[in-house]
N, C-alpha and C. Protein backbone atom coordinates (compact mmCIF):
# COMPACT_ATOMS: atom_id res chain seq x y z
N MET A 1 -25.39 33.20 1.51
CA MET A 1 -24.89 32.58 0.14
C MET A 1 -23.48 32.11 0.32
N LYS A 2 -22.64 33.41 0.56
CA LYS A 2 -21.26 33.06 1.00
C LYS A 2 -20.70 31.60 1.76
N LYS A 3 -21.67 31.57 2.58
CA LYS A 3 -21.45 30.52 3.43
C LYS A 3 -21.87 28.82 3.26
N LYS A 4 -22.49 29.13 2.08
CA LYS A 4 -23.02 27.80 1.29
C LYS A 4 -21.79 27.49 0.58
N ILE A 5 -21.33 28.60 -0.42
CA ILE A 5 -20.37 28.25 -1.30
C ILE A 5 -19.32 27.88 -0.57
N LEU A 6 -18.75 28.36 0.59
CA LEU A 6 -17.64 27.92 1.35
C LEU A 6 -17.69 26.54 1.81
N ILE A 7 -18.86 26.21 2.43
CA ILE A 7 -19.10 24.75 2.80
C ILE A 7 -19.00 23.73 1.38
N ALA A 8 -19.57 24.05 0.40
CA ALA A 8 -19.57 23.26 -0.60
C ALA A 8 -18.35 23.01 -1.11
N ALA A 9 -17.06 24.06 -1.25
CA ALA A 9 -15.86 24.13 -1.55
C ALA A 9 -15.08 23.44 -0.63
N LEU A 10 -15.31 23.27 0.87
CA LEU A 10 -14.71 22.47 1.76
C LEU A 10 -15.19 21.17 1.22
N ILE A 11 -16.29 20.78 1.16
CA ILE A 11 -16.47 19.43 1.01
C ILE A 11 -15.84 18.96 -0.38
N ILE A 12 -15.86 19.53 -1.53
CA ILE A 12 -15.25 19.01 -2.31
C ILE A 12 -13.95 19.00 -2.31
N PHE A 13 -13.26 20.21 -1.64
CA PHE A 13 -11.74 19.70 -1.27
C PHE A 13 -11.16 18.57 -0.60
N SER A 14 -12.21 18.31 0.60
CA SER A 14 -12.23 17.09 1.27
C SER A 14 -12.14 15.65 0.58
N PHE A 15 -13.13 15.81 -0.30
CA PHE A 15 -13.26 14.65 -0.95
C PHE A 15 -12.07 14.17 -1.78
N LYS A 16 -11.53 15.30 -2.37
CA LYS A 16 -10.44 15.17 -3.26
C LYS A 16 -9.17 14.71 -2.40
N SER A 17 -9.01 15.23 -1.38
CA SER A 17 -7.67 14.97 -0.58
C SER A 17 -7.78 13.48 -0.02
N PHE A 18 -8.99 12.86 0.06
CA PHE A 18 -9.17 11.28 0.51
C PHE A 18 -9.19 10.50 -0.57
N ALA A 19 -9.25 10.98 -1.88
CA ALA A 19 -9.20 10.27 -3.00
C ALA A 19 -7.87 9.48 -3.13
N GLN A 20 -8.29 8.28 -3.76
CA GLN A 20 -6.92 7.26 -4.08
C GLN A 20 -6.87 7.18 -5.54
N THR A 21 -5.68 7.49 -5.93
CA THR A 21 -5.34 7.35 -7.40
C THR A 21 -5.25 5.83 -7.72
N LYS A 22 -5.76 5.32 -8.53
CA LYS A 22 -5.35 3.93 -8.96
C LYS A 22 -4.06 4.04 -10.13
N ILE A 23 -2.89 3.50 -10.11
CA ILE A 23 -1.82 3.52 -10.75
C ILE A 23 -1.32 2.05 -11.25
N ASN A 24 -0.68 2.04 -12.28
CA ASN A 24 0.02 0.91 -12.75
C ASN A 24 1.49 0.56 -11.82
N ALA A 25 1.50 -0.30 -11.59
CA ALA A 25 2.72 -0.65 -10.56
C ALA A 25 4.07 0.02 -11.42
N GLN A 26 4.43 -0.25 -12.37
CA GLN A 26 5.55 0.47 -13.17
C GLN A 26 5.55 1.86 -13.06
N GLU A 27 4.44 2.54 -12.76
CA GLU A 27 4.42 3.92 -12.36
C GLU A 27 4.94 4.55 -10.95
N ILE A 28 4.68 3.36 -10.02
CA ILE A 28 4.77 3.98 -8.54
C ILE A 28 5.82 4.79 -8.08
N SER A 29 7.07 4.69 -8.53
CA SER A 29 8.42 5.66 -8.42
C SER A 29 8.04 7.20 -8.64
N LYS A 30 6.94 7.40 -9.52
CA LYS A 30 6.38 8.51 -10.00
C LYS A 30 5.35 9.22 -8.98
N HIS A 31 5.07 8.38 -7.93
CA HIS A 31 3.83 8.64 -6.93
C HIS A 31 4.40 8.65 -5.62
N ILE A 32 5.71 9.09 -5.27
CA ILE A 32 6.23 9.31 -3.84
C ILE A 32 5.48 10.04 -3.26
N ASN A 33 4.93 9.99 -1.99
CA ASN A 33 4.12 10.88 -1.13
C ASN A 33 2.74 10.56 -1.50
N ASP A 34 2.24 10.18 -2.67
CA ASP A 34 0.92 10.30 -3.06
C ASP A 34 0.00 8.96 -2.40
N SER A 35 -1.20 9.14 -2.11
CA SER A 35 -1.93 8.09 -1.69
C SER A 35 -2.61 7.31 -3.22
N VAL A 36 -2.30 6.08 -3.12
CA VAL A 36 -2.58 5.35 -4.45
C VAL A 36 -3.44 4.02 -4.11
N THR A 37 -3.74 3.59 -5.24
CA THR A 37 -4.26 2.16 -5.01
C THR A 37 -3.72 1.47 -6.19
N ILE A 38 -2.84 0.39 -5.94
CA ILE A 38 -2.22 -0.40 -7.06
C ILE A 38 -2.54 -1.77 -6.86
N CYS A 39 -2.52 -2.75 -8.05
CA CYS A 39 -2.77 -3.95 -7.80
C CYS A 39 -1.39 -4.62 -8.73
N GLU A 40 -0.89 -5.80 -8.12
CA GLU A 40 0.16 -6.49 -8.64
C GLU A 40 0.40 -7.66 -7.93
N LYS A 41 1.10 -8.76 -8.49
CA LYS A 41 1.35 -9.83 -8.07
C LYS A 41 2.43 -9.77 -6.99
N VAL A 42 2.16 -10.62 -5.68
CA VAL A 42 3.21 -10.81 -4.90
C VAL A 42 4.15 -11.91 -5.42
N SER A 43 5.19 -11.65 -5.49
CA SER A 43 6.39 -12.30 -5.87
C SER A 43 7.12 -13.31 -4.75
N GLY A 44 6.92 -12.71 -3.76
CA GLY A 44 7.54 -13.55 -2.40
C GLY A 44 7.18 -12.30 -1.29
N GLY A 45 7.85 -12.78 0.08
CA GLY A 45 7.61 -12.21 1.06
C GLY A 45 8.44 -12.93 2.57
N ARG A 46 8.74 -11.93 3.36
CA ARG A 46 9.53 -12.65 4.48
C ARG A 46 9.05 -11.75 5.74
N TYR A 47 9.07 -12.56 6.81
CA TYR A 47 8.56 -11.90 8.41
C TYR A 47 9.96 -12.05 8.98
N PHE A 48 10.38 -10.82 9.84
CA PHE A 48 11.41 -10.63 10.68
C PHE A 48 11.14 -10.58 11.90
N GLU A 49 11.44 -11.40 12.79
CA GLU A 49 11.08 -11.35 14.28
C GLU A 49 11.70 -10.18 14.56
N LYS A 50 12.95 -9.79 14.48
CA LYS A 50 13.25 -8.54 15.15
C LYS A 50 14.30 -7.76 14.14
N PRO A 51 13.59 -6.72 13.67
CA PRO A 51 12.57 -5.93 14.46
C PRO A 51 11.20 -6.68 13.53
N GLN A 52 10.16 -6.57 14.26
CA GLN A 52 8.79 -7.42 13.89
C GLN A 52 8.39 -6.52 12.57
N ILE A 53 8.58 -7.22 11.54
CA ILE A 53 8.39 -6.71 10.30
C ILE A 53 8.27 -7.50 9.25
N THR A 54 6.92 -7.50 8.21
CA THR A 54 6.43 -8.15 7.31
C THR A 54 6.90 -7.31 6.09
N LEU A 55 7.69 -8.26 4.94
CA LEU A 55 7.78 -7.31 3.67
C LEU A 55 7.24 -8.37 2.46
N LEU A 56 6.48 -7.70 1.80
CA LEU A 56 5.76 -8.46 0.75
C LEU A 56 6.37 -7.64 -0.55
N ASN A 57 7.21 -8.46 -1.39
CA ASN A 57 7.72 -7.80 -2.70
C ASN A 57 6.62 -8.17 -3.71
N LEU A 58 6.36 -6.93 -4.30
CA LEU A 58 5.64 -6.87 -5.46
C LEU A 58 6.16 -6.71 -7.06
N GLY A 59 5.74 -7.45 -7.96
CA GLY A 59 6.29 -6.96 -9.26
C GLY A 59 7.80 -7.43 -9.61
N GLY A 60 8.25 -8.53 -8.80
CA GLY A 60 9.43 -8.94 -8.89
C GLY A 60 10.15 -9.47 -7.59
N THR A 61 11.21 -10.56 -7.53
CA THR A 61 11.66 -10.85 -6.48
C THR A 61 12.54 -9.77 -5.73
N TYR A 62 12.91 -9.77 -4.43
CA TYR A 62 14.13 -9.26 -4.11
C TYR A 62 15.03 -9.35 -4.50
N PRO A 63 16.10 -8.49 -5.01
CA PRO A 63 16.10 -6.96 -5.04
C PRO A 63 15.59 -6.13 -6.12
N SER A 64 14.74 -7.17 -7.01
CA SER A 64 14.33 -6.41 -8.26
C SER A 64 12.82 -6.24 -8.13
N GLN A 65 12.10 -6.25 -7.18
CA GLN A 65 10.80 -5.74 -6.90
C GLN A 65 10.63 -4.38 -7.67
N LEU A 66 9.24 -4.26 -7.78
CA LEU A 66 8.59 -2.93 -8.33
C LEU A 66 8.53 -2.16 -6.96
N PHE A 67 8.14 -2.81 -5.92
CA PHE A 67 7.93 -2.04 -4.57
C PHE A 67 7.57 -3.22 -3.62
N THR A 68 7.49 -2.85 -2.34
CA THR A 68 7.22 -3.53 -1.12
C THR A 68 6.17 -3.19 -0.48
N ILE A 69 5.35 -3.87 0.09
CA ILE A 69 4.36 -3.68 1.14
C ILE A 69 5.07 -4.08 2.48
N VAL A 70 4.77 -3.08 3.45
CA VAL A 70 5.45 -3.21 4.78
C VAL A 70 4.56 -3.30 5.68
N ILE A 71 4.55 -4.30 6.60
CA ILE A 71 3.52 -4.29 7.97
C ILE A 71 4.45 -4.26 8.95
N LYS A 72 4.49 -3.55 9.91
CA LYS A 72 5.22 -3.33 10.91
C LYS A 72 4.33 -3.94 12.40
N GLY A 73 5.29 -4.42 13.15
CA GLY A 73 4.95 -4.62 14.66
C GLY A 73 3.68 -5.47 14.88
N ALA A 74 2.80 -4.62 15.74
CA ALA A 74 1.48 -5.07 16.07
C ALA A 74 0.62 -5.28 14.93
N ASP A 75 0.99 -4.32 13.83
CA ASP A 75 -0.16 -4.35 13.07
C ASP A 75 -0.33 -5.69 12.17
N ARG A 76 0.67 -6.60 12.15
CA ARG A 76 0.61 -7.88 11.70
C ARG A 76 -0.36 -8.81 12.43
N ASP A 77 -0.48 -8.44 13.64
CA ASP A 77 -1.48 -9.32 14.39
C ASP A 77 -3.06 -9.21 14.22
N LYS A 78 -3.36 -7.88 13.15
CA LYS A 78 -4.52 -7.91 12.87
C LYS A 78 -5.03 -8.64 11.74
N PHE A 79 -3.88 -9.01 11.19
CA PHE A 79 -4.15 -10.08 10.08
C PHE A 79 -4.52 -11.65 10.52
N LYS A 80 -5.65 -12.35 10.08
CA LYS A 80 -5.99 -13.57 10.59
C LYS A 80 -5.12 -14.74 9.83
N PHE A 81 -4.00 -14.23 8.99
CA PHE A 81 -3.19 -15.21 8.34
C PHE A 81 -1.85 -14.75 8.31
N LYS A 82 -1.00 -15.46 7.86
CA LYS A 82 0.62 -15.09 7.68
C LYS A 82 0.52 -14.43 6.22
N PRO A 83 0.78 -13.00 5.99
CA PRO A 83 0.75 -12.70 4.83
C PRO A 83 1.82 -12.91 3.65
N GLU A 84 2.75 -13.11 4.40
CA GLU A 84 3.87 -13.51 3.30
C GLU A 84 3.81 -15.27 2.82
N GLU A 85 2.95 -15.80 3.52
CA GLU A 85 2.64 -17.41 3.11
C GLU A 85 1.44 -17.14 2.24
N ALA A 86 0.33 -16.52 2.94
CA ALA A 86 -0.84 -16.72 2.32
C ALA A 86 -0.96 -15.82 0.76
N LEU A 87 -0.32 -14.92 0.50
CA LEU A 87 -0.44 -13.83 -0.53
C LEU A 87 0.72 -14.20 -1.58
N LYS A 88 1.47 -15.12 -1.40
CA LYS A 88 2.70 -15.41 -2.29
C LYS A 88 1.79 -16.00 -3.61
N ASP A 89 2.16 -15.38 -4.75
CA ASP A 89 1.94 -15.69 -6.02
C ASP A 89 0.34 -15.20 -6.48
N LYS A 90 -0.09 -14.56 -5.38
CA LYS A 90 -1.37 -14.09 -5.56
C LYS A 90 -1.37 -12.46 -6.20
N THR A 91 -2.41 -12.16 -6.76
CA THR A 91 -2.46 -10.63 -7.09
C THR A 91 -3.44 -9.71 -6.09
N VAL A 92 -2.58 -8.84 -5.57
CA VAL A 92 -3.04 -8.10 -4.41
C VAL A 92 -3.53 -6.62 -4.94
N CYS A 93 -4.62 -5.73 -4.38
CA CYS A 93 -4.47 -4.57 -4.58
C CYS A 93 -4.37 -3.83 -3.13
N VAL A 94 -3.55 -2.77 -3.08
CA VAL A 94 -2.88 -2.54 -1.88
C VAL A 94 -3.33 -0.77 -2.13
N THR A 95 -3.81 -0.14 -0.93
CA THR A 95 -4.09 1.35 -0.88
C THR A 95 -3.33 1.83 0.17
N GLY A 96 -2.84 3.01 -0.30
CA GLY A 96 -1.74 3.47 1.10
C GLY A 96 -1.03 4.69 0.49
N ARG A 97 -0.14 5.24 1.24
CA ARG A 97 0.75 6.38 0.77
C ARG A 97 2.16 5.85 0.38
N VAL A 98 2.91 6.03 -1.01
CA VAL A 98 3.91 5.68 -1.23
C VAL A 98 5.01 6.46 -0.80
N THR A 99 5.95 5.73 0.16
CA THR A 99 7.23 6.14 0.40
C THR A 99 8.30 5.61 -0.08
N GLU A 100 9.28 6.00 0.21
CA GLU A 100 10.81 4.87 -0.43
C GLU A 100 11.55 4.62 0.98
N HIS A 101 12.16 3.69 0.80
CA HIS A 101 12.96 3.04 1.52
C HIS A 101 14.40 2.54 0.60
N ALA A 102 15.58 2.89 0.99
CA ALA A 102 16.88 2.65 0.25
C ALA A 102 16.46 2.59 -1.18
N GLY A 103 15.91 3.63 -1.80
CA GLY A 103 15.81 3.90 -3.17
C GLY A 103 14.87 3.28 -3.73
N LYS A 104 13.59 2.23 -3.15
CA LYS A 104 12.78 1.55 -3.62
C LYS A 104 11.27 2.06 -3.12
N PRO A 105 10.36 2.03 -3.71
CA PRO A 105 8.91 2.63 -3.47
C PRO A 105 8.57 1.49 -2.68
N GLN A 106 7.67 1.93 -1.41
CA GLN A 106 6.97 1.07 -0.30
C GLN A 106 5.70 1.80 0.03
N ILE A 107 4.98 0.90 0.42
CA ILE A 107 3.72 1.15 1.12
C ILE A 107 3.62 0.67 2.41
N VAL A 108 3.39 1.27 3.36
CA VAL A 108 3.26 0.83 4.65
C VAL A 108 1.96 0.60 5.17
N ILE A 109 1.67 -0.46 5.41
CA ILE A 109 -0.02 -0.61 5.76
C ILE A 109 -0.08 -1.00 7.37
N THR A 110 -1.11 -0.30 7.78
CA THR A 110 -1.57 -0.58 9.01
C THR A 110 -2.95 -1.52 9.54
N ASP A 111 -3.65 -1.63 8.46
CA ASP A 111 -5.03 -2.24 8.46
C ASP A 111 -5.09 -3.39 7.48
N PRO A 112 -5.75 -4.49 7.65
CA PRO A 112 -5.95 -5.41 6.68
C PRO A 112 -6.70 -5.05 5.43
N LYS A 113 -7.56 -4.00 5.85
CA LYS A 113 -8.37 -3.32 4.92
C LYS A 113 -7.81 -2.71 3.67
N GLN A 114 -6.49 -2.30 4.07
CA GLN A 114 -5.92 -1.77 2.95
C GLN A 114 -5.24 -2.75 1.64
N LEU A 115 -5.28 -3.91 2.02
CA LEU A 115 -5.00 -5.14 1.12
C LEU A 115 -6.20 -6.10 0.77
N ALA A 116 -6.20 -6.25 -0.58
CA ALA A 116 -7.44 -6.89 -0.88
C ALA A 116 -6.82 -8.05 -1.99
N SER A 117 -6.90 -9.33 -1.70
CA SER A 117 -6.64 -10.17 -2.72
C SER A 117 -7.44 -10.23 -3.93
N GLN A 118 -7.17 -10.65 -4.93
CA GLN A 118 -8.12 -10.54 -6.29
C GLN A 118 -8.21 -12.07 -6.97
N GLU A 119 -7.74 -12.88 -5.85
CA GLU A 119 -7.76 -14.29 -6.38
C GLU A 119 -8.58 -14.97 -5.24
C-alpha cells in the first residue's frame, strides 16, 4: 500500500514540475526562473551573424520591450522561416523558462515547438 501511495505522489509531483503557467506579459519579471507560457505581439526582431543569435522583442520595441525571445546558433536552422521577418507584428505564444539578461526578461528557445503563432 505504501508503495502505491509513493508512486502516486511521484506521478503527481512529476506532472506539476512539467506544468507551464500561463502568464500575462506585464507579469513576466515576477517569474524569473519559472517555466511559463506567454502570448504577446512581436514588435520587432533582429538576426546577428556574429554571434549567431536571433532576438525577437515582444510587448514593445527595443529597448522598451517587455521581454525578448532568444534563438541561439544552430537552433535557428530548425525553423523553416526567418523568425525576425515572418513573425513581426504577429501575436505568438512562447513556452520556456524565463531568465534575465542585462536587467530584461528573456526566454531562450531551442525548438520551434516552443513558439506558436496566433495569427
